[in-house]
């Protein structure tokens, strides 16, 4: 197994571990949102995301042409993103709006520290690519 594949598998596991922690917060914040941050212009992977997805053998998402770049992301479903977090572009995972940050800061600090730790591990691997 090559290094990209090993790193991609570690990233995938970290993202799977991170997902329920973030989803617990977004379940509180996102339903009341009036300005959805999941925009079409942010839905496609960056070069590091492409490297990660290719290492895992995951097909790259195709952009739906004709969509308003400022409109909702093509992967936005009725209850949030329809793409598993481990397959989403990194920008979809690390972005925390003000209400989400406030919820994180007023919630259990053990959870906030765990999220920060997982995000840092992901950043460390991604920055090596």
N, C-alpha and C. Protein backbone atom coordinates (compact mmCIF):
# COMPACT_ATOMS: atom_id res chain seq x y z
N UNK A 1 0.86 -1.18 0.00
CA UNK A 1 0.00 0.00 0.00
C UNK A 1 0.90 1.24 0.00
N UNK A 2 0.60 2.19 -0.88
CA UNK A 2 1.42 3.39 -0.95
C UNK A 2 1.04 4.38 0.16
N UNK A 3 1.89 5.39 0.33
CA UNK A 3 1.70 6.36 1.41
C UNK A 3 0.41 7.16 1.26
N UNK A 4 0.06 7.53 0.02
CA UNK A 4 -1.20 8.27 -0.18
C UNK A 4 -2.39 7.45 0.30
N UNK A 5 -2.41 6.19 -0.02
CA UNK A 5 -3.51 5.32 0.39
C UNK A 5 -3.56 5.20 1.92
N UNK A 6 -2.40 5.03 2.55
CA UNK A 6 -2.35 4.95 4.02
C UNK A 6 -2.88 6.23 4.65
N UNK A 7 -2.38 7.37 4.16
CA UNK A 7 -2.83 8.65 4.70
C UNK A 7 -4.32 8.86 4.46
N UNK A 8 -4.79 8.48 3.27
CA UNK A 8 -6.21 8.64 2.96
C UNK A 8 -7.07 7.80 3.88
N UNK A 9 -6.65 6.60 4.20
CA UNK A 9 -7.41 5.75 5.11
C UNK A 9 -7.44 6.33 6.52
N UNK A 10 -6.33 6.92 6.94
CA UNK A 10 -6.30 7.59 8.26
C UNK A 10 -7.24 8.79 8.24
N UNK A 11 -7.17 9.61 7.19
CA UNK A 11 -8.06 10.76 7.07
C UNK A 11 -9.52 10.34 7.10
N UNK A 12 -9.84 9.30 6.37
CA UNK A 12 -11.22 8.80 6.34
C UNK A 12 -11.68 8.43 7.75
N UNK A 13 -10.84 7.71 8.49
CA UNK A 13 -11.22 7.29 9.84
C UNK A 13 -11.40 8.50 10.76
N UNK A 14 -10.50 9.47 10.65
CA UNK A 14 -10.63 10.68 11.47
C UNK A 14 -11.93 11.42 11.15
N UNK A 15 -12.27 11.51 9.87
CA UNK A 15 -13.51 12.19 9.47
C UNK A 15 -14.74 11.43 9.94
N UNK A 16 -14.68 10.11 9.90
CA UNK A 16 -15.80 9.31 10.40
C UNK A 16 -15.97 9.52 11.91
N UNK A 17 -14.87 9.61 12.63
CA UNK A 17 -14.92 9.85 14.08
C UNK A 17 -15.43 11.26 14.39
N UNK A 18 -15.06 12.22 13.55
CA UNK A 18 -15.44 13.61 13.75
C UNK A 18 -16.92 13.87 13.46
N UNK A 19 -17.45 13.17 12.48
CA UNK A 19 -18.79 13.46 11.97
C UNK A 19 -19.88 13.51 13.04
N UNK A 20 -20.04 12.50 13.89
CA UNK A 20 -21.15 12.59 14.86
C UNK A 20 -20.98 13.75 15.86
N UNK A 21 -19.75 14.13 16.13
CA UNK A 21 -19.52 15.26 17.04
C UNK A 21 -20.01 16.56 16.42
N UNK A 22 -19.70 16.75 15.14
CA UNK A 22 -20.15 17.96 14.45
C UNK A 22 -21.66 17.91 14.23
N UNK A 23 -22.17 16.75 13.87
CA UNK A 23 -23.60 16.63 13.59
C UNK A 23 -24.46 16.88 14.83
N UNK A 24 -23.92 16.58 15.98
CA UNK A 24 -24.64 16.89 17.22
C UNK A 24 -24.82 18.41 17.34
N UNK A 25 -23.81 19.17 16.94
CA UNK A 25 -23.89 20.63 16.99
C UNK A 25 -24.76 21.18 15.87
N UNK A 26 -24.55 20.68 14.65
CA UNK A 26 -25.33 21.21 13.52
C UNK A 26 -26.82 20.91 13.66
N UNK A 27 -27.15 19.82 14.34
CA UNK A 27 -28.56 19.49 14.57
C UNK A 27 -29.25 20.57 15.41
N UNK A 28 -28.47 21.24 16.25
CA UNK A 28 -29.02 22.31 17.09
C UNK A 28 -29.08 23.64 16.35
N UNK A 29 -28.10 23.89 15.48
CA UNK A 29 -27.93 25.21 14.87
C UNK A 29 -28.54 25.33 13.48
N UNK A 30 -28.27 24.38 12.63
CA UNK A 30 -28.61 24.51 11.21
C UNK A 30 -30.10 24.58 10.88
N UNK A 31 -30.97 23.85 11.59
CA UNK A 31 -32.39 23.93 11.22
C UNK A 31 -32.97 25.34 11.30
N UNK A 32 -32.43 26.19 12.16
CA UNK A 32 -32.95 27.55 12.32
C UNK A 32 -32.23 28.56 11.41
N UNK A 33 -31.29 28.11 10.62
CA UNK A 33 -30.48 29.01 9.80
C UNK A 33 -31.31 29.63 8.67
N UNK A 34 -31.10 30.92 8.47
CA UNK A 34 -31.78 31.62 7.38
C UNK A 34 -30.83 31.93 6.21
N UNK A 35 -29.55 31.77 6.43
CA UNK A 35 -28.54 32.02 5.38
C UNK A 35 -27.61 30.81 5.30
N UNK A 36 -28.05 29.79 4.59
CA UNK A 36 -27.31 28.53 4.53
C UNK A 36 -25.91 28.77 3.96
N UNK A 37 -24.90 28.25 4.67
CA UNK A 37 -23.51 28.45 4.24
C UNK A 37 -23.06 27.40 3.23
N UNK A 38 -23.86 26.39 3.01
CA UNK A 38 -23.54 25.33 2.04
C UNK A 38 -23.92 25.83 0.64
N UNK A 39 -22.97 26.52 0.00
CA UNK A 39 -23.20 27.14 -1.30
C UNK A 39 -22.62 26.27 -2.42
N UNK A 40 -23.20 26.36 -3.59
CA UNK A 40 -22.74 25.61 -4.74
C UNK A 40 -21.27 25.89 -5.06
N UNK A 41 -20.84 27.12 -4.90
CA UNK A 41 -19.46 27.47 -5.25
C UNK A 41 -18.43 26.76 -4.37
N UNK A 42 -18.87 26.17 -3.28
CA UNK A 42 -17.94 25.49 -2.37
C UNK A 42 -18.06 23.97 -2.41
N UNK A 43 -18.86 23.42 -3.32
CA UNK A 43 -19.21 22.01 -3.24
C UNK A 43 -18.21 21.06 -3.89
N UNK A 44 -17.27 21.58 -4.64
CA UNK A 44 -16.35 20.70 -5.34
C UNK A 44 -15.01 20.62 -4.62
N UNK A 45 -14.34 19.49 -4.75
CA UNK A 45 -13.09 19.27 -4.01
C UNK A 45 -11.94 20.14 -4.50
N UNK A 46 -11.07 20.51 -3.56
CA UNK A 46 -9.83 21.21 -3.90
C UNK A 46 -8.78 20.15 -4.28
N UNK A 47 -7.57 20.56 -4.69
CA UNK A 47 -6.57 19.58 -5.13
C UNK A 47 -6.22 18.52 -4.08
N UNK A 48 -6.18 18.88 -2.81
CA UNK A 48 -5.88 17.89 -1.78
C UNK A 48 -7.05 16.92 -1.62
N UNK A 49 -8.28 17.44 -1.70
CA UNK A 49 -9.45 16.56 -1.67
C UNK A 49 -9.41 15.56 -2.83
N UNK A 50 -9.02 16.04 -4.01
CA UNK A 50 -8.93 15.16 -5.18
C UNK A 50 -7.92 14.05 -4.93
N UNK A 51 -6.77 14.41 -4.39
CA UNK A 51 -5.73 13.41 -4.08
C UNK A 51 -6.26 12.37 -3.09
N UNK A 52 -6.95 12.84 -2.08
CA UNK A 52 -7.53 11.97 -1.05
C UNK A 52 -8.56 11.02 -1.66
N UNK A 53 -9.52 11.56 -2.42
CA UNK A 53 -10.57 10.73 -3.01
C UNK A 53 -9.99 9.73 -4.01
N UNK A 54 -9.03 10.16 -4.79
CA UNK A 54 -8.40 9.24 -5.75
C UNK A 54 -7.66 8.12 -5.03
N UNK A 55 -6.98 8.46 -3.93
CA UNK A 55 -6.25 7.43 -3.16
C UNK A 55 -7.21 6.37 -2.63
N UNK A 56 -8.45 6.78 -2.33
CA UNK A 56 -9.46 5.85 -1.84
C UNK A 56 -10.23 5.16 -2.97
N UNK A 57 -10.01 5.63 -4.20
CA UNK A 57 -10.74 5.06 -5.33
C UNK A 57 -12.17 5.54 -5.43
N UNK A 58 -12.45 6.72 -4.87
CA UNK A 58 -13.79 7.29 -4.86
C UNK A 58 -13.94 8.21 -6.08
N UNK A 59 -15.01 8.05 -6.86
CA UNK A 59 -15.20 8.95 -8.01
C UNK A 59 -15.37 10.40 -7.55
N UNK A 60 -14.84 11.31 -8.33
CA UNK A 60 -14.97 12.72 -8.01
C UNK A 60 -16.39 13.19 -8.32
N UNK A 61 -16.94 14.08 -7.48
CA UNK A 61 -18.29 14.58 -7.75
C UNK A 61 -18.29 15.44 -9.01
N UNK A 62 -19.38 15.39 -9.72
CA UNK A 62 -19.54 16.20 -10.92
C UNK A 62 -20.41 17.40 -10.60
N UNK A 63 -19.95 18.57 -11.04
CA UNK A 63 -20.72 19.79 -10.80
C UNK A 63 -21.93 19.83 -11.73
N UNK A 64 -23.07 20.15 -11.17
CA UNK A 64 -24.28 20.33 -11.98
C UNK A 64 -24.19 21.70 -12.65
N UNK A 65 -24.06 21.70 -13.95
CA UNK A 65 -23.92 22.97 -14.65
C UNK A 65 -25.22 23.77 -14.57
N UNK A 66 -25.07 25.07 -14.65
CA UNK A 66 -26.22 25.95 -14.64
C UNK A 66 -26.73 26.33 -13.27
N UNK A 67 -26.12 25.79 -12.22
CA UNK A 67 -26.56 26.15 -10.86
C UNK A 67 -25.96 27.49 -10.47
N UNK A 68 -26.71 28.26 -9.71
CA UNK A 68 -26.24 29.55 -9.20
C UNK A 68 -25.13 29.28 -8.19
N UNK A 69 -23.93 29.84 -8.41
CA UNK A 69 -22.82 29.60 -7.47
C UNK A 69 -23.14 30.05 -6.04
N UNK A 70 -24.00 31.04 -5.90
CA UNK A 70 -24.39 31.53 -4.57
C UNK A 70 -25.58 30.77 -4.01
N UNK A 71 -26.16 29.88 -4.79
CA UNK A 71 -27.32 29.11 -4.36
C UNK A 71 -26.90 27.91 -3.51
N UNK A 72 -27.89 27.17 -3.02
CA UNK A 72 -27.59 26.00 -2.19
C UNK A 72 -26.76 24.96 -2.95
N UNK A 73 -25.92 24.30 -2.23
CA UNK A 73 -25.07 23.24 -2.76
C UNK A 73 -25.93 22.14 -3.39
N UNK A 74 -25.46 21.59 -4.47
CA UNK A 74 -26.20 20.52 -5.16
C UNK A 74 -26.36 19.28 -4.30
N UNK A 75 -25.55 19.15 -3.24
CA UNK A 75 -25.60 17.99 -2.37
C UNK A 75 -26.42 18.23 -1.10
N UNK A 76 -27.08 19.38 -1.03
CA UNK A 76 -27.89 19.72 0.12
C UNK A 76 -29.24 19.01 0.02
N UNK A 77 -29.52 18.18 1.00
CA UNK A 77 -30.79 17.49 1.05
C UNK A 77 -31.72 18.18 2.03
N UNK A 78 -32.86 17.59 2.26
CA UNK A 78 -33.85 18.18 3.17
C UNK A 78 -33.32 18.31 4.59
N UNK A 79 -32.44 17.38 4.99
CA UNK A 79 -31.93 17.38 6.36
C UNK A 79 -30.42 17.58 6.41
N UNK A 80 -29.87 18.31 5.46
CA UNK A 80 -28.43 18.56 5.43
C UNK A 80 -27.78 17.87 4.24
N UNK A 81 -26.49 17.73 4.31
CA UNK A 81 -25.72 17.17 3.20
C UNK A 81 -26.04 15.69 3.00
N UNK A 82 -26.17 15.31 1.73
CA UNK A 82 -26.45 13.91 1.42
C UNK A 82 -25.16 13.11 1.20
N UNK A 83 -24.03 13.80 1.23
CA UNK A 83 -22.74 13.14 1.05
C UNK A 83 -22.15 12.84 2.42
N UNK A 84 -21.68 11.62 2.65
CA UNK A 84 -21.03 11.33 3.93
C UNK A 84 -19.86 12.29 4.17
N UNK A 85 -19.67 12.71 5.41
CA UNK A 85 -18.64 13.70 5.72
C UNK A 85 -17.26 13.29 5.20
N UNK A 86 -16.95 12.03 5.25
CA UNK A 86 -15.61 11.60 4.84
C UNK A 86 -15.40 11.73 3.33
N UNK A 87 -16.47 11.99 2.57
CA UNK A 87 -16.35 12.19 1.12
C UNK A 87 -16.53 13.65 0.72
N UNK A 88 -16.79 14.52 1.66
CA UNK A 88 -17.04 15.93 1.35
C UNK A 88 -15.72 16.69 1.17
N UNK A 89 -15.80 17.80 0.43
CA UNK A 89 -14.61 18.67 0.38
C UNK A 89 -14.26 19.15 1.80
N UNK A 90 -12.99 19.33 2.04
CA UNK A 90 -12.52 19.74 3.36
C UNK A 90 -13.20 21.02 3.82
N UNK A 91 -13.39 21.97 2.91
CA UNK A 91 -14.01 23.25 3.31
C UNK A 91 -15.41 23.04 3.88
N UNK A 92 -16.07 21.95 3.54
CA UNK A 92 -17.40 21.66 4.08
C UNK A 92 -17.33 21.15 5.52
N UNK A 93 -16.18 20.66 5.92
CA UNK A 93 -16.03 20.10 7.26
C UNK A 93 -15.46 21.12 8.24
N UNK A 94 -14.48 21.89 7.82
CA UNK A 94 -13.82 22.77 8.79
C UNK A 94 -14.53 24.09 9.00
N UNK A 95 -15.47 24.46 8.15
CA UNK A 95 -16.14 25.75 8.30
C UNK A 95 -17.12 25.72 9.47
N UNK A 96 -16.94 26.65 10.39
CA UNK A 96 -17.83 26.80 11.54
C UNK A 96 -18.34 28.23 11.56
N UNK A 97 -19.64 28.41 11.29
CA UNK A 97 -20.25 29.74 11.33
C UNK A 97 -20.29 30.23 12.79
N UNK A 98 -20.63 31.49 12.96
CA UNK A 98 -20.68 32.07 14.32
C UNK A 98 -21.66 31.34 15.25
N UNK A 99 -22.89 31.05 14.79
CA UNK A 99 -23.79 30.32 15.69
C UNK A 99 -23.27 28.92 16.07
N UNK A 100 -22.61 28.27 15.13
CA UNK A 100 -22.06 26.94 15.43
C UNK A 100 -20.91 27.05 16.44
N UNK A 101 -20.06 28.05 16.25
CA UNK A 101 -18.97 28.27 17.21
C UNK A 101 -19.52 28.60 18.60
N UNK A 102 -20.56 29.42 18.65
CA UNK A 102 -21.16 29.77 19.94
C UNK A 102 -21.73 28.53 20.63
N UNK A 103 -22.38 27.67 19.86
CA UNK A 103 -22.91 26.42 20.43
C UNK A 103 -21.78 25.54 20.94
N UNK A 104 -20.71 25.48 20.18
CA UNK A 104 -19.56 24.68 20.58
C UNK A 104 -18.93 25.24 21.86
N UNK A 105 -18.85 26.56 21.95
CA UNK A 105 -18.22 27.19 23.12
C UNK A 105 -19.06 27.09 24.38
N UNK A 106 -20.38 26.96 24.23
CA UNK A 106 -21.23 26.88 25.42
C UNK A 106 -21.59 25.44 25.77
N UNK A 107 -21.21 24.51 24.91
CA UNK A 107 -21.51 23.10 25.15
C UNK A 107 -20.41 22.44 25.96
N UNK A 108 -20.47 21.14 26.06
CA UNK A 108 -19.45 20.40 26.81
C UNK A 108 -18.05 20.63 26.22
N UNK A 109 -17.14 21.10 27.05
CA UNK A 109 -15.80 21.41 26.57
C UNK A 109 -15.01 20.16 26.19
N UNK A 110 -15.36 19.03 26.75
CA UNK A 110 -14.71 17.78 26.35
C UNK A 110 -14.97 17.51 24.87
N UNK A 111 -16.20 17.75 24.43
CA UNK A 111 -16.55 17.57 23.03
C UNK A 111 -15.81 18.58 22.16
N UNK A 112 -15.78 19.83 22.58
CA UNK A 112 -15.08 20.87 21.82
C UNK A 112 -13.60 20.53 21.67
N UNK A 113 -12.99 20.03 22.74
CA UNK A 113 -11.56 19.64 22.67
C UNK A 113 -11.36 18.47 21.74
N UNK A 114 -12.27 17.52 21.75
CA UNK A 114 -12.17 16.36 20.86
C UNK A 114 -12.29 16.79 19.40
N UNK A 115 -13.22 17.69 19.11
CA UNK A 115 -13.37 18.21 17.75
C UNK A 115 -12.08 18.92 17.33
N UNK A 116 -11.57 19.78 18.19
CA UNK A 116 -10.33 20.51 17.87
C UNK A 116 -9.17 19.55 17.63
N UNK A 117 -9.07 18.51 18.44
CA UNK A 117 -7.99 17.53 18.28
C UNK A 117 -8.11 16.79 16.95
N UNK A 118 -9.29 16.34 16.61
CA UNK A 118 -9.49 15.62 15.35
C UNK A 118 -9.21 16.53 14.16
N UNK A 119 -9.71 17.77 14.22
CA UNK A 119 -9.44 18.71 13.14
C UNK A 119 -7.94 18.95 12.97
N UNK A 120 -7.22 19.06 14.08
CA UNK A 120 -5.77 19.29 14.00
C UNK A 120 -5.06 18.09 13.37
N UNK A 121 -5.47 16.89 13.74
CA UNK A 121 -4.86 15.70 13.13
C UNK A 121 -5.09 15.67 11.63
N UNK A 122 -6.30 16.05 11.21
CA UNK A 122 -6.62 16.10 9.79
C UNK A 122 -5.77 17.15 9.07
N UNK A 123 -5.68 18.34 9.67
CA UNK A 123 -4.87 19.41 9.09
C UNK A 123 -3.42 18.98 8.96
N UNK A 124 -2.90 18.31 9.97
CA UNK A 124 -1.51 17.86 9.93
C UNK A 124 -1.25 16.93 8.75
N UNK A 125 -2.15 16.00 8.51
CA UNK A 125 -1.98 15.07 7.38
C UNK A 125 -2.16 15.83 6.06
N UNK A 126 -3.21 16.63 5.96
CA UNK A 126 -3.46 17.35 4.72
C UNK A 126 -2.32 18.31 4.37
N UNK A 127 -1.74 18.93 5.37
CA UNK A 127 -0.66 19.90 5.08
C UNK A 127 0.60 19.21 4.57
N UNK A 128 0.72 17.91 4.83
CA UNK A 128 1.86 17.15 4.30
C UNK A 128 1.68 16.77 2.85
N UNK A 129 0.49 16.99 2.32
CA UNK A 129 0.22 16.66 0.91
C UNK A 129 0.48 17.88 0.11
